[in-house]
Amino acid sequence: MKRCLFVDDSSVIRKVAKRILSGPEMFVIEASSGAEAIGICSGHMPDFILVDVGLPDMAADELVRALRSIPTDVAPRIAVCLTEMDVPAIMRSKRAGANGYLLKPFNRSQLLDKFEGLRAAA
């Protein structure tokens, strides 16, 4: 079973994403901050990580860099979530090690399409 971590300070966004992605092949974990995400990933790195760009405790590129520096055998696919097209934020995140991005608010088909793209590239 694959594991996905959804990092967002909005409990509503996390719950929507969890409902969409959870299934027999995917276990979804939630984190409300960058620090919480680092703690989770230090214990057991998930296969996929979706990171909100607007976390209150750290910038998305800083979190991506921290996640990439955790020693692990798993090479997670990481995407950042933005509320508007912000090319500089996307580029900073990609330079830090993100594999892609997703615009919020998202609907079921948008999230599943992005997730399938991440899965295919894995």
PDB file of N, CA and C in Angstrom:
ATOM      1  N   MET A   1       0.841  -1.181   0.000  1.00  0.00           N
ATOM      2  CA  MET A   1       0.000   0.000   0.000  1.00  0.00           C
ATOM      3  C   MET A   1       0.886   1.243   0.000  1.00  0.00           C
ATOM      4  N   LYS A   2       0.583   2.170  -0.883  1.00  0.00           N
ATOM      5  CA  LYS A   2       1.318   3.437  -0.958  1.00  0.00           C
ATOM      6  C   LYS A   2       0.830   4.375   0.143  1.00  0.00           C
ATOM      7  N   ARG A   3       1.715   5.291   0.534  1.00  0.00           N
ATOM      8  CA  ARG A   3       1.373   6.286   1.558  1.00  0.00           C
ATOM      9  C   ARG A   3       1.507   7.681   0.973  1.00  0.00           C
ATOM     10  N   CYS A   4       0.552   8.546   1.305  1.00  0.00           N
ATOM     11  CA  CYS A   4       0.553   9.928   0.842  1.00  0.00           C
ATOM     12  C   CYS A   4       0.398  10.844   2.047  1.00  0.00           C
ATOM     13  N   LEU A   5       1.222  11.868   2.120  1.00  0.00           N
ATOM     14  CA  LEU A   5       1.127  12.878   3.176  1.00  0.00           C
ATOM     15  C   LEU A   5       0.604  14.162   2.555  1.00  0.00           C
ATOM     16  N   PHE A   6      -0.481  14.695   3.122  1.00  0.00           N
ATOM     17  CA  PHE A   6      -1.040  15.965   2.673  1.00  0.00           C
ATOM     18  C   PHE A   6      -0.788  16.989   3.765  1.00  0.00           C
ATOM     19  N   VAL A   7       0.015  18.019   3.449  1.00  0.00           N
ATOM     20  CA  VAL A   7       0.422  19.034   4.428  1.00  0.00           C
ATOM     21  C   VAL A   7      -0.272  20.342   4.111  1.00  0.00           C
ATOM     22  N   ASP A   8      -1.200  20.749   4.989  1.00  0.00           N
ATOM     23  CA  ASP A   8      -1.944  21.994   4.792  1.00  0.00           C
ATOM     24  C   ASP A   8      -2.472  22.437   6.151  1.00  0.00           C
ATOM     25  N   ASP A   9      -2.439  23.741   6.414  1.00  0.00           N
ATOM     26  CA  ASP A   9      -2.945  24.222   7.702  1.00  0.00           C
ATOM     27  C   ASP A   9      -4.469  24.277   7.749  1.00  0.00           C
ATOM     28  N   SER A  10      -5.138  24.057   6.631  1.00  0.00           N
ATOM     29  CA  SER A  10      -6.603  24.034   6.590  1.00  0.00           C
ATOM     30  C   SER A  10      -7.098  22.601   6.766  1.00  0.00           C
ATOM     31  N   SER A  11      -7.833  22.363   7.856  1.00  0.00           N
ATOM     32  CA  SER A  11      -8.365  21.022   8.088  1.00  0.00           C
ATOM     33  C   SER A  11      -9.380  20.633   7.016  1.00  0.00           C
ATOM     34  N   VAL A  12     -10.092  21.611   6.461  1.00  0.00           N
ATOM     35  CA  VAL A  12     -11.071  21.327   5.407  1.00  0.00           C
ATOM     36  C   VAL A  12     -10.371  20.801   4.157  1.00  0.00           C
ATOM     37  N   ILE A  13      -9.313  21.474   3.735  1.00  0.00           N
ATOM     38  CA  ILE A  13      -8.556  21.041   2.553  1.00  0.00           C
ATOM     39  C   ILE A  13      -7.981  19.644   2.780  1.00  0.00           C
ATOM     40  N   ARG A  14      -7.415  19.406   3.962  1.00  0.00           N
ATOM     41  CA  ARG A  14      -6.850  18.084   4.261  1.00  0.00           C
ATOM     42  C   ARG A  14      -7.916  16.997   4.198  1.00  0.00           C
ATOM     43  N   LYS A  15      -9.088  17.272   4.768  1.00  0.00           N
ATOM     44  CA  LYS A  15     -10.166  16.268   4.768  1.00  0.00           C
ATOM     45  C   LYS A  15     -10.678  15.987   3.365  1.00  0.00           C
ATOM     46  N   VAL A  16     -10.822  17.029   2.543  1.00  0.00           N
ATOM     47  CA  VAL A  16     -11.265  16.840   1.159  1.00  0.00           C
ATOM     48  C   VAL A  16     -10.242  15.986   0.406  1.00  0.00           C
ATOM     49  N   ALA A  17      -8.973  16.326   0.522  1.00  0.00           N
ATOM     50  CA  ALA A  17      -7.924  15.564  -0.161  1.00  0.00           C
ATOM     51  C   ALA A  17      -7.895  14.122   0.325  1.00  0.00           C
ATOM     52  N   LYS A  18      -8.056  13.929   1.616  1.00  0.00           N
ATOM     53  CA  LYS A  18      -8.035  12.574   2.176  1.00  0.00           C
ATOM     54  C   LYS A  18      -9.187  11.741   1.625  1.00  0.00           C
ATOM     55  N   ARG A  19     -10.376  12.337   1.536  1.00  0.00           N
ATOM     56  CA  ARG A  19     -11.526  11.608   0.988  1.00  0.00           C
ATOM     57  C   ARG A  19     -11.307  11.230  -0.468  1.00  0.00           C
ATOM     58  N   ILE A  20     -10.696  12.137  -1.221  1.00  0.00           N
ATOM     59  CA  ILE A  20     -10.474  11.878  -2.648  1.00  0.00           C
ATOM     60  C   ILE A  20      -9.408  10.805  -2.858  1.00  0.00           C
ATOM     61  N   LEU A  21      -8.311  10.879  -2.127  1.00  0.00           N
ATOM     62  CA  LEU A  21      -7.166  10.009  -2.382  1.00  0.00           C
ATOM     63  C   LEU A  21      -7.201   8.668  -1.657  1.00  0.00           C
ATOM     64  N   SER A  22      -7.899   8.595  -0.525  1.00  0.00           N
ATOM     65  CA  SER A  22      -7.922   7.351   0.256  1.00  0.00           C
ATOM     66  C   SER A  22      -8.627   6.242  -0.504  1.00  0.00           C
ATOM     67  N   GLY A  23      -8.078   5.056  -0.392  1.00  0.00           N
ATOM     68  CA  GLY A  23      -8.668   3.895  -1.048  1.00  0.00           C
ATOM     69  C   GLY A  23      -7.880   2.651  -0.704  1.00  0.00           C
ATOM     70  N   PRO A  24      -8.209   1.557  -1.342  1.00  0.00           N
ATOM     71  CA  PRO A  24      -7.525   0.300  -1.026  1.00  0.00           C
ATOM     72  C   PRO A  24      -6.031   0.298  -1.367  1.00  0.00           C
ATOM     73  N   GLU A  25      -5.612   1.183  -2.285  1.00  0.00           N
ATOM     74  CA  GLU A  25      -4.201   1.228  -2.668  1.00  0.00           C
ATOM     75  C   GLU A  25      -3.434   2.389  -2.032  1.00  0.00           C
ATOM     76  N   MET A  26      -4.152   3.286  -1.297  1.00  0.00           N
ATOM     77  CA  MET A  26      -3.511   4.489  -0.775  1.00  0.00           C
ATOM     78  C   MET A  26      -3.951   4.785   0.654  1.00  0.00           C
ATOM     79  N   PHE A  27      -2.968   5.000   1.517  1.00  0.00           N
ATOM     80  CA  PHE A  27      -3.204   5.429   2.887  1.00  0.00           C
ATOM     81  C   PHE A  27      -2.780   6.893   2.968  1.00  0.00           C
ATOM     82  N   VAL A  28      -3.686   7.783   3.374  1.00  0.00           N
ATOM     83  CA  VAL A  28      -3.404   9.216   3.412  1.00  0.00           C
ATOM     84  C   VAL A  28      -3.199   9.660   4.858  1.00  0.00           C
ATOM     85  N   ILE A  29      -2.105  10.378   5.069  1.00  0.00           N
ATOM     86  CA  ILE A  29      -1.740  10.927   6.364  1.00  0.00           C
ATOM     87  C   ILE A  29      -1.863  12.441   6.261  1.00  0.00           C
ATOM     88  N   GLU A  30      -2.244  13.096   7.340  1.00  0.00           N
ATOM     89  CA  GLU A  30      -2.390  14.549   7.340  1.00  0.00           C
ATOM     90  C   GLU A  30      -1.378  15.196   8.273  1.00  0.00           C
ATOM     91  N   ALA A  31      -0.920  16.385   7.884  1.00  0.00           N
ATOM     92  CA  ALA A  31      -0.080  17.218   8.750  1.00  0.00           C
ATOM     93  C   ALA A  31      -0.543  18.656   8.579  1.00  0.00           C
ATOM     94  N   SER A  32      -0.573  19.409   9.677  1.00  0.00           N
ATOM     95  CA  SER A  32      -1.046  20.793   9.629  1.00  0.00           C
ATOM     96  C   SER A  32       0.083  21.818   9.610  1.00  0.00           C
ATOM     97  N   SER A  33       1.335  21.348   9.680  1.00  0.00           N
ATOM     98  CA  SER A  33       2.474  22.267   9.670  1.00  0.00           C
ATOM     99  C   SER A  33       3.688  21.586   9.065  1.00  0.00           C
ATOM    100  N   GLY A  34       4.656  22.395   8.726  1.00  0.00           N
ATOM    101  CA  GLY A  34       5.896  21.855   8.195  1.00  0.00           C
ATOM    102  C   GLY A  34       6.631  21.024   9.224  1.00  0.00           C
ATOM    103  N   ALA A  35       6.657  21.496  10.463  1.00  0.00           N
ATOM    104  CA  ALA A  35       7.339  20.760  11.527  1.00  0.00           C
ATOM    105  C   ALA A  35       6.702  19.388  11.744  1.00  0.00           C
ATOM    106  N   GLU A  36       5.375  19.340  11.710  1.00  0.00           N
ATOM    107  CA  GLU A  36       4.677  18.067  11.865  1.00  0.00           C
ATOM    108  C   GLU A  36       5.013  17.135  10.694  1.00  0.00           C
ATOM    109  N   ALA A  37       5.067  17.681   9.488  1.00  0.00           N
ATOM    110  CA  ALA A  37       5.401  16.886   8.302  1.00  0.00           C
ATOM    111  C   ALA A  37       6.807  16.302   8.408  1.00  0.00           C
ATOM    112  N   ILE A  38       7.756  17.097   8.849  1.00  0.00           N
ATOM    113  CA  ILE A  38       9.133  16.615   9.012  1.00  0.00           C
ATOM    114  C   ILE A  38       9.173  15.484  10.031  1.00  0.00           C
ATOM    115  N   GLY A  39       8.441  15.619  11.135  1.00  0.00           N
ATOM    116  CA  GLY A  39       8.379  14.565  12.146  1.00  0.00           C
ATOM    117  C   GLY A  39       7.816  13.271  11.585  1.00  0.00           C
ATOM    118  N   ILE A  40       6.733  13.377  10.822  1.00  0.00           N
ATOM    119  CA  ILE A  40       6.119  12.192  10.210  1.00  0.00           C
ATOM    120  C   ILE A  40       7.088  11.537   9.236  1.00  0.00           C
ATOM    121  N   CYS A  41       7.699  12.341   8.382  1.00  0.00           N
ATOM    122  CA  CYS A  41       8.595  11.805   7.355  1.00  0.00           C
ATOM    123  C   CYS A  41       9.886  11.239   7.943  1.00  0.00           C
ATOM    124  N   SER A  42      10.315  11.774   9.065  1.00  0.00           N
ATOM    125  CA  SER A  42      11.513  11.246   9.721  1.00  0.00           C
ATOM    126  C   SER A  42      11.274   9.839  10.245  1.00  0.00           C
ATOM    127  N   GLY A  43      10.027   9.558  10.625  1.00  0.00           N
ATOM    128  CA  GLY A  43       9.687   8.234  11.124  1.00  0.00           C
ATOM    129  C   GLY A  43       9.458   7.224  10.014  1.00  0.00           C
ATOM    130  N   HIS A  44       8.779   7.633   8.972  1.00  0.00           N
ATOM    131  CA  HIS A  44       8.473   6.730   7.842  1.00  0.00           C
ATOM    132  C   HIS A  44       8.102   7.594   6.642  1.00  0.00           C
ATOM    133  N   MET A  45       9.007   7.685   5.687  1.00  0.00           N
ATOM    134  CA  MET A  45       8.808   8.547   4.520  1.00  0.00           C
ATOM    135  C   MET A  45       7.680   8.019   3.643  1.00  0.00           C
ATOM    136  N   PRO A  46       6.676   8.873   3.341  1.00  0.00           N
ATOM    137  CA  PRO A  46       5.609   8.444   2.434  1.00  0.00           C
ATOM    138  C   PRO A  46       6.089   8.437   0.984  1.00  0.00           C
ATOM    139  N   ASP A  47       5.277   7.839   0.121  1.00  0.00           N
ATOM    140  CA  ASP A  47       5.614   7.759  -1.300  1.00  0.00           C
ATOM    141  C   ASP A  47       5.298   9.053  -2.037  1.00  0.00           C
ATOM    142  N   PHE A  48       4.267   9.774  -1.560  1.00  0.00           N
ATOM    143  CA  PHE A  48       3.812  11.016  -2.180  1.00  0.00           C
ATOM    144  C   PHE A  48       3.586  12.058  -1.092  1.00  0.00           C
ATOM    145  N   ILE A  49       3.945  13.314  -1.383  1.00  0.00           N
ATOM    146  CA  ILE A  49       3.745  14.404  -0.432  1.00  0.00           C
ATOM    147  C   ILE A  49       3.193  15.600  -1.187  1.00  0.00           C
ATOM    148  N   LEU A  50       2.088  16.153  -0.692  1.00  0.00           N
ATOM    149  CA  LEU A  50       1.492  17.374  -1.251  1.00  0.00           C
ATOM    150  C   LEU A  50       1.630  18.454  -0.185  1.00  0.00           C
ATOM    151  N   VAL A  51       2.291  19.555  -0.529  1.00  0.00           N
ATOM    152  CA  VAL A  51       2.649  20.605   0.426  1.00  0.00           C
ATOM    153  C   VAL A  51       1.984  21.930   0.060  1.00  0.00           C
ATOM    154  N   ASP A  52       1.276  22.533   1.004  1.00  0.00           N
ATOM    155  CA  ASP A  52       0.684  23.861   0.810  1.00  0.00           C
ATOM    156  C   ASP A  52       1.788  24.912   0.830  1.00  0.00           C
ATOM    157  N   VAL A  53       1.744  25.839  -0.108  1.00  0.00           N
ATOM    158  CA  VAL A  53       2.744  26.903  -0.166  1.00  0.00           C
ATOM    159  C   VAL A  53       2.564  27.898   0.988  1.00  0.00           C
ATOM    160  N   GLY A  54       1.354  27.998   1.528  1.00  0.00           N
ATOM    161  CA  GLY A  54       1.073  28.983   2.573  1.00  0.00           C
ATOM    162  C   GLY A  54       1.098  28.457   3.987  1.00  0.00           C
ATOM    163  N   LEU A  55       2.009  27.553   4.315  1.00  0.00           N
ATOM    164  CA  LEU A  55       2.093  27.042   5.680  1.00  0.00           C
ATOM    165  C   LEU A  55       2.545  28.150   6.623  1.00  0.00           C
ATOM    166  N   PRO A  56       2.012  28.189   7.852  1.00  0.00           N
ATOM    167  CA  PRO A  56       2.364  29.275   8.768  1.00  0.00           C
ATOM    168  C   PRO A  56       3.764  29.174   9.369  1.00  0.00           C
ATOM    169  N   ASP A  57       4.347  27.968   9.400  1.00  0.00           N
ATOM    170  CA  ASP A  57       5.617  27.827  10.114  1.00  0.00           C
ATOM    171  C   ASP A  57       6.862  27.768   9.227  1.00  0.00           C
ATOM    172  N   MET A  58       6.691  27.544   7.908  1.00  0.00           N
ATOM    173  CA  MET A  58       7.861  27.556   7.023  1.00  0.00           C
ATOM    174  C   MET A  58       7.433  27.650   5.573  1.00  0.00           C
ATOM    175  N   ALA A  59       8.322  28.147   4.764  1.00  0.00           N
ATOM    176  CA  ALA A  59       8.062  28.259   3.323  1.00  0.00           C
ATOM    177  C   ALA A  59       8.081  26.870   2.703  1.00  0.00           C
ATOM    178  N   ALA A  60       7.311  26.690   1.629  1.00  0.00           N
ATOM    179  CA  ALA A  60       7.213  25.388   0.975  1.00  0.00           C
ATOM    180  C   ALA A  60       8.573  24.899   0.489  1.00  0.00           C
ATOM    181  N   ASP A  61       9.366  25.783  -0.107  1.00  0.00           N
ATOM    182  CA  ASP A  61      10.677  25.344  -0.607  1.00  0.00           C
ATOM    183  C   ASP A  61      11.588  24.912   0.537  1.00  0.00           C
ATOM    184  N   GLU A  62      11.470  25.570   1.689  1.00  0.00           N
ATOM    185  CA  GLU A  62      12.246  25.187   2.866  1.00  0.00           C
ATOM    186  C   GLU A  62      11.817  23.785   3.338  1.00  0.00           C
ATOM    187  N   LEU A  63      10.514  23.539   3.344  1.00  0.00           N
ATOM    188  CA  LEU A  63      10.008  22.224   3.747  1.00  0.00           C
ATOM    189  C   LEU A  63      10.438  21.148   2.754  1.00  0.00           C
ATOM    190  N   VAL A  64      10.322  21.423   1.474  1.00  0.00           N
ATOM    191  CA  VAL A  64      10.733  20.445   0.454  1.00  0.00           C
ATOM    192  C   VAL A  64      12.211  20.112   0.625  1.00  0.00           C
ATOM    193  N   ARG A  65      13.033  21.125   0.827  1.00  0.00           N
ATOM    194  CA  ARG A  65      14.472  20.913   1.025  1.00  0.00           C
ATOM    195  C   ARG A  65      14.718  20.044   2.271  1.00  0.00           C
ATOM    196  N   ALA A  66      13.993  20.331   3.354  1.00  0.00           N
ATOM    197  CA  ALA A  66      14.146  19.553   4.592  1.00  0.00           C
ATOM    198  C   ALA A  66      13.712  18.106   4.380  1.00  0.00           C
ATOM    199  N   LEU A  67      12.618  17.902   3.659  1.00  0.00           N
ATOM    200  CA  LEU A  67      12.140  16.542   3.390  1.00  0.00           C
ATOM    201  C   LEU A  67      13.127  15.770   2.528  1.00  0.00           C
ATOM    202  N   ARG A  68      13.695  16.429   1.545  1.00  0.00           N
ATOM    203  CA  ARG A  68      14.677  15.783   0.662  1.00  0.00           C
ATOM    204  C   ARG A  68      15.970  15.431   1.402  1.00  0.00           C
ATOM    205  N   SER A  69      16.255  16.121   2.507  1.00  0.00           N
ATOM    206  CA  SER A  69      17.495  15.865   3.242  1.00  0.00           C
ATOM    207  C   SER A  69      17.360  14.722   4.256  1.00  0.00           C
ATOM    208  N   ILE A  70      16.151  14.208   4.449  1.00  0.00           N
ATOM    209  CA  ILE A  70      15.953  13.104   5.401  1.00  0.00           C
ATOM    210  C   ILE A  70      16.491  11.819   4.769  1.00  0.00           C
ATOM    211  N   PRO A  71      17.408  11.146   5.462  1.00  0.00           N
ATOM    212  CA  PRO A  71      17.958   9.906   4.902  1.00  0.00           C
ATOM    213  C   PRO A  71      16.886   8.807   4.869  1.00  0.00           C
ATOM    214  N   THR A  72      16.626   8.267   3.678  1.00  0.00           N
ATOM    215  CA  THR A  72      15.594   7.248   3.508  1.00  0.00           C
ATOM    216  C   THR A  72      15.813   6.500   2.204  1.00  0.00           C
ATOM    217  N   ASP A  73      15.249   5.312   2.129  1.00  0.00           N
ATOM    218  CA  ASP A  73      15.301   4.536   0.886  1.00  0.00           C
ATOM    219  C   ASP A  73      14.193   4.933  -0.069  1.00  0.00           C
ATOM    220  N   VAL A  74      13.189   5.674   0.436  1.00  0.00           N
ATOM    221  CA  VAL A  74      12.038   6.103  -0.367  1.00  0.00           C
ATOM    222  C   VAL A  74      12.354   7.463  -0.992  1.00  0.00           C
ATOM    223  N   ALA A  75      12.115   7.600  -2.286  1.00  0.00           N
ATOM    224  CA  ALA A  75      12.274   8.886  -2.979  1.00  0.00           C
ATOM    225  C   ALA A  75      10.865   9.408  -3.266  1.00  0.00           C
ATOM    226  N   PRO A  76      10.301  10.190  -2.347  1.00  0.00           N
ATOM    227  CA  PRO A  76       8.907  10.617  -2.517  1.00  0.00           C
ATOM    228  C   PRO A  76       8.722  11.563  -3.694  1.00  0.00           C
ATOM    229  N   ARG A  77       7.553  11.497  -4.308  1.00  0.00           N
ATOM    230  CA  ARG A  77       7.145  12.458  -5.331  1.00  0.00           C
ATOM    231  C   ARG A  77       6.470  13.589  -4.564  1.00  0.00           C
ATOM    232  N   ILE A  78       6.933  14.820  -4.756  1.00  0.00           N
ATOM    233  CA  ILE A  78       6.438  15.969  -3.995  1.00  0.00           C
ATOM    234  C   ILE A  78       5.828  16.994  -4.932  1.00  0.00           C
ATOM    235  N   ALA A  79       4.626  17.470  -4.584  1.00  0.00           N
ATOM    236  CA  ALA A  79       3.979  18.563  -5.320  1.00  0.00           C
ATOM    237  C   ALA A  79       3.601  19.648  -4.326  1.00  0.00           C
ATOM    238  N   VAL A  80       3.692  20.895  -4.752  1.00  0.00           N
ATOM    239  CA  VAL A  80       3.266  22.018  -3.919  1.00  0.00           C
ATOM    240  C   VAL A  80       1.886  22.483  -4.385  1.00  0.00           C
ATOM    241  N   CYS A  81       1.087  22.962  -3.439  1.00  0.00           N
ATOM    242  CA  CYS A  81      -0.273  23.438  -3.720  1.00  0.00           C
ATOM    243  C   CYS A  81      -0.317  24.949  -3.537  1.00  0.00           C
ATOM    244  N   LEU A  82      -0.837  25.655  -4.549  1.00  0.00           N
ATOM    245  CA  LEU A  82      -0.909  27.112  -4.528  1.00  0.00           C
ATOM    246  C   LEU A  82      -2.347  27.565  -4.763  1.00  0.00           C
ATOM    247  N   THR A  83      -2.678  28.759  -4.264  1.00  0.00           N
ATOM    248  CA  THR A  83      -4.017  29.310  -4.500  1.00  0.00           C
ATOM    249  C   THR A  83      -4.065  30.149  -5.767  1.00  0.00           C
ATOM    250  N   GLU A  84      -2.898  30.516  -6.296  1.00  0.00           N
ATOM    251  CA  GLU A  84      -2.826  31.251  -7.554  1.00  0.00           C
ATOM    252  C   GLU A  84      -1.505  30.919  -8.228  1.00  0.00           C
ATOM    253  N   MET A  85      -1.461  31.130  -9.525  1.00  0.00           N
ATOM    254  CA  MET A  85      -0.239  30.849 -10.269  1.00  0.00           C
ATOM    255  C   MET A  85       0.854  31.809  -9.806  1.00  0.00           C
ATOM    256  N   ASP A  86       1.879  31.258  -9.181  1.00  0.00           N
ATOM    257  CA  ASP A  86       2.997  32.030  -8.657  1.00  0.00           C
ATOM    258  C   ASP A  86       4.281  31.362  -9.160  1.00  0.00           C
ATOM    259  N   VAL A  87       4.719  31.789 -10.334  1.00  0.00           N
ATOM    260  CA  VAL A  87       5.869  31.156 -10.988  1.00  0.00           C
ATOM    261  C   VAL A  87       7.121  31.192 -10.112  1.00  0.00           C
ATOM    262  N   PRO A  88       7.454  32.318  -9.455  1.00  0.00           N
ATOM    263  CA  PRO A  88       8.644  32.298  -8.589  1.00  0.00           C
ATOM    264  C   PRO A  88       8.558  31.252  -7.469  1.00  0.00           C
ATOM    265  N   ALA A  89       7.384  31.106  -6.840  1.00  0.00           N
ATOM    266  CA  ALA A  89       7.217  30.101  -5.774  1.00  0.00           C
ATOM    267  C   ALA A  89       7.356  28.692  -6.341  1.00  0.00           C
ATOM    268  N   ILE A  90       6.794  28.470  -7.526  1.00  0.00           N
ATOM    269  CA  ILE A  90       6.905  27.154  -8.170  1.00  0.00           C
ATOM    270  C   ILE A  90       8.376  26.855  -8.480  1.00  0.00           C
ATOM    271  N   MET A  91       9.087  27.823  -9.018  1.00  0.00           N
ATOM    272  CA  MET A  91      10.498  27.615  -9.365  1.00  0.00           C
ATOM    273  C   MET A  91      11.353  27.372  -8.120  1.00  0.00           C
ATOM    274  N   ARG A  92      11.098  28.135  -7.035  1.00  0.00           N
ATOM    275  CA  ARG A  92      11.838  27.904  -5.788  1.00  0.00           C
ATOM    276  C   ARG A  92      11.594  26.488  -5.279  1.00  0.00           C
ATOM    277  N   SER A  93      10.340  26.047  -5.345  1.00  0.00           N
ATOM    278  CA  SER A  93       9.991  24.706  -4.875  1.00  0.00           C
ATOM    279  C   SER A  93      10.628  23.632  -5.744  1.00  0.00           C
ATOM    280  N   LYS A  94      10.628  23.846  -7.042  1.00  0.00           N
ATOM    281  CA  LYS A  94      11.240  22.863  -7.954  1.00  0.00           C
ATOM    282  C   LYS A  94      12.757  22.797  -7.735  1.00  0.00           C
ATOM    283  N   ARG A  95      13.386  23.949  -7.543  1.00  0.00           N
ATOM    284  CA  ARG A  95      14.833  23.954  -7.260  1.00  0.00           C
ATOM    285  C   ARG A  95      15.136  23.241  -5.942  1.00  0.00           C
ATOM    286  N   ALA A  96      14.194  23.278  -4.999  1.00  0.00           N
ATOM    287  CA  ALA A  96      14.364  22.609  -3.703  1.00  0.00           C
ATOM    288  C   ALA A  96      14.126  21.104  -3.805  1.00  0.00           C
ATOM    289  N   GLY A  97      13.484  20.664  -4.908  1.00  0.00           N
ATOM    290  CA  GLY A  97      13.270  19.236  -5.089  1.00  0.00           C
ATOM    291  C   GLY A  97      11.837  18.811  -5.332  1.00  0.00           C
ATOM    292  N   ALA A  98      10.901  19.765  -5.477  1.00  0.00           N
ATOM    293  CA  ALA A  98       9.512  19.406  -5.784  1.00  0.00           C
ATOM    294  C   ALA A  98       9.413  18.896  -7.221  1.00  0.00           C
ATOM    295  N   ASN A  99       8.451  18.017  -7.449  1.00  0.00           N
ATOM    296  CA  ASN A  99       8.262  17.436  -8.776  1.00  0.00           C
ATOM    297  C   ASN A  99       7.172  18.123  -9.581  1.00  0.00           C
ATOM    298  N   GLY A 100       6.333  18.930  -8.928  1.00  0.00           N
ATOM    299  CA  GLY A 100       5.241  19.583  -9.634  1.00  0.00           C
ATOM    300  C   GLY A 100       4.434  20.470  -8.707  1.00  0.00           C
ATOM    301  N   TYR A 101       3.295  20.940  -9.220  1.00  0.00           N
ATOM    302  CA  TYR A 101       2.435  21.820  -8.434  1.00  0.00           C
ATOM    303  C   TYR A 101       0.975  21.556  -8.781  1.00  0.00           C
ATOM    304  N   LEU A 102       0.091  22.059  -7.918  1.00  0.00           N
ATOM    305  CA  LEU A 102      -1.351  21.917  -8.072  1.00  0.00           C
ATOM    306  C   LEU A 102      -1.997  23.209  -7.594  1.00  0.00           C
ATOM    307  N   LEU A 103      -2.962  23.718  -8.366  1.00  0.00           N
ATOM    308  CA  LEU A 103      -3.670  24.928  -7.954  1.00  0.00           C
ATOM    309  C   LEU A 103      -4.887  24.577  -7.100  1.00  0.00           C
ATOM    310  N   LYS A 104      -5.098  25.356  -6.032  1.00  0.00           N
ATOM    311  CA  LYS A 104      -6.274  25.215  -5.175  1.00  0.00           C
ATOM    312  C   LYS A 104      -7.200  26.391  -5.458  1.00  0.00           C
ATOM    313  N   PRO A 105      -8.493  26.254  -5.299  1.00  0.00           N
ATOM    314  CA  PRO A 105      -9.144  25.009  -4.874  1.00  0.00           C
ATOM    315  C   PRO A 105      -9.146  24.005  -6.003  1.00  0.00           C
ATOM    316  N   PHE A 106      -9.053  22.739  -5.639  1.00  0.00           N
ATOM    317  CA  PHE A 106      -9.070  21.674  -6.628  1.00  0.00           C
ATOM    318  C   PHE A 106     -10.351  20.872  -6.478  1.00  0.00           C
ATOM    319  N   ASN A 107     -10.728  20.224  -7.553  1.00  0.00           N
ATOM    320  CA  ASN A 107     -11.860  19.311  -7.461  1.00  0.00           C
ATOM    321  C   ASN A 107     -11.318  17.882  -7.568  1.00  0.00           C
ATOM    322  N   ARG A 108     -12.204  16.937  -7.487  1.00  0.00           N
ATOM    323  CA  ARG A 108     -11.808  15.529  -7.494  1.00  0.00           C
ATOM    324  C   ARG A 108     -10.978  15.164  -8.726  1.00  0.00           C
ATOM    325  N   SER A 109     -11.457  15.532  -9.913  1.00  0.00           N
ATOM    326  CA  SER A 109     -10.743  15.144 -11.135  1.00  0.00           C
ATOM    327  C   SER A 109      -9.380  15.830 -11.231  1.00  0.00           C
ATOM    328  N   GLN A 110      -9.274  17.085 -10.813  1.00  0.00           N
ATOM    329  CA  GLN A 110      -7.987  17.783 -10.858  1.00  0.00           C
ATOM    330  C   GLN A 110      -6.972  17.123  -9.930  1.00  0.00           C
ATOM    331  N   LEU A 111      -7.399  16.798  -8.706  1.00  0.00           N
ATOM    332  CA  LEU A 111      -6.479  16.176  -7.758  1.00  0.00           C
ATOM    333  C   LEU A 111      -6.075  14.781  -8.240  1.00  0.00           C
ATOM    334  N   LEU A 112      -7.029  14.012  -8.706  1.00  0.00           N
ATOM    335  CA  LEU A 112      -6.700  12.665  -9.193  1.00  0.00           C
ATOM    336  C   LEU A 112      -5.794  12.713 -10.416  1.00  0.00           C
ATOM    337  N   ASP A 113      -6.022  13.671 -11.335  1.00  0.00           N
ATOM    338  CA  ASP A 113      -5.152  13.819 -12.507  1.00  0.00           C
ATOM    339  C   ASP A 113      -3.725  14.155 -12.091  1.00  0.00           C
ATOM    340  N   LYS A 114      -3.580  15.101 -11.170  1.00  0.00           N
ATOM    341  CA  LYS A 114      -2.242  15.490 -10.704  1.00  0.00           C
ATOM    342  C   LYS A 114      -1.569  14.312 -10.013  1.00  0.00           C
ATOM    343  N   PHE A 115      -2.336  13.606  -9.198  1.00  0.00           N
ATOM    344  CA  PHE A 115      -1.784  12.478  -8.473  1.00  0.00           C
ATOM    345  C   PHE A 115      -1.355  11.377  -9.436  1.00  0.00           C
ATOM    346  N   GLU A 116      -2.139  11.107 -10.461  1.00  0.00           N
ATOM    347  CA  GLU A 116      -1.770  10.094 -11.456  1.00  0.00           C
ATOM    348  C   GLU A 116      -0.502  10.516 -12.193  1.00  0.00           C
ATOM    349  N   GLY A 117      -0.356  11.822 -12.456  1.00  0.00           N
ATOM    350  CA  GLY A 117       0.862  12.326 -13.080  1.00  0.00           C
ATOM    351  C   GLY A 117       2.078  12.094 -12.198  1.00  0.00           C
ATOM    352  N   LEU A 118       1.935  12.339 -10.907  1.00  0.00           N
ATOM    353  CA  LEU A 118       3.036  12.089  -9.964  1.00  0.00           C
ATOM    354  C   LEU A 118       3.350  10.602  -9.896  1.00  0.00           C
ATOM    355  N   ARG A 119       2.300   9.789  -9.867  1.00  0.00           N
ATOM    356  CA  ARG A 119       2.470   8.339  -9.769  1.00  0.00           C
ATOM    357  C   ARG A 119       3.175   7.799 -11.015  1.00  0.00           C
ATOM    358  N   ALA A 120       2.793   8.290 -12.183  1.00  0.00           N
ATOM    359  CA  ALA A 120       3.376   7.823 -13.442  1.00  0.00           C
ATOM    360  C   ALA A 120       4.861   8.183 -13.528  1.00  0.00           C
ATOM    361  N   ALA A 121       5.207   9.332 -12.947  1.00  0.00           N
ATOM    362  CA  ALA A 121       6.601   9.780 -13.007  1.00  0.00           C
ATOM    363  C   ALA A 121       7.481   9.089 -11.966  1.00  0.00           C
ATOM    364  N   ALA A 122       6.851   8.359 -11.055  1.00  0.00           N
ATOM    365  CA  ALA A 122       7.617   7.697  -9.979  1.00  0.00           C
ATOM    366  C   ALA A 122       8.398   6.513 -10.483  1.00  0.00           C
TER     367      ALA A 122
END
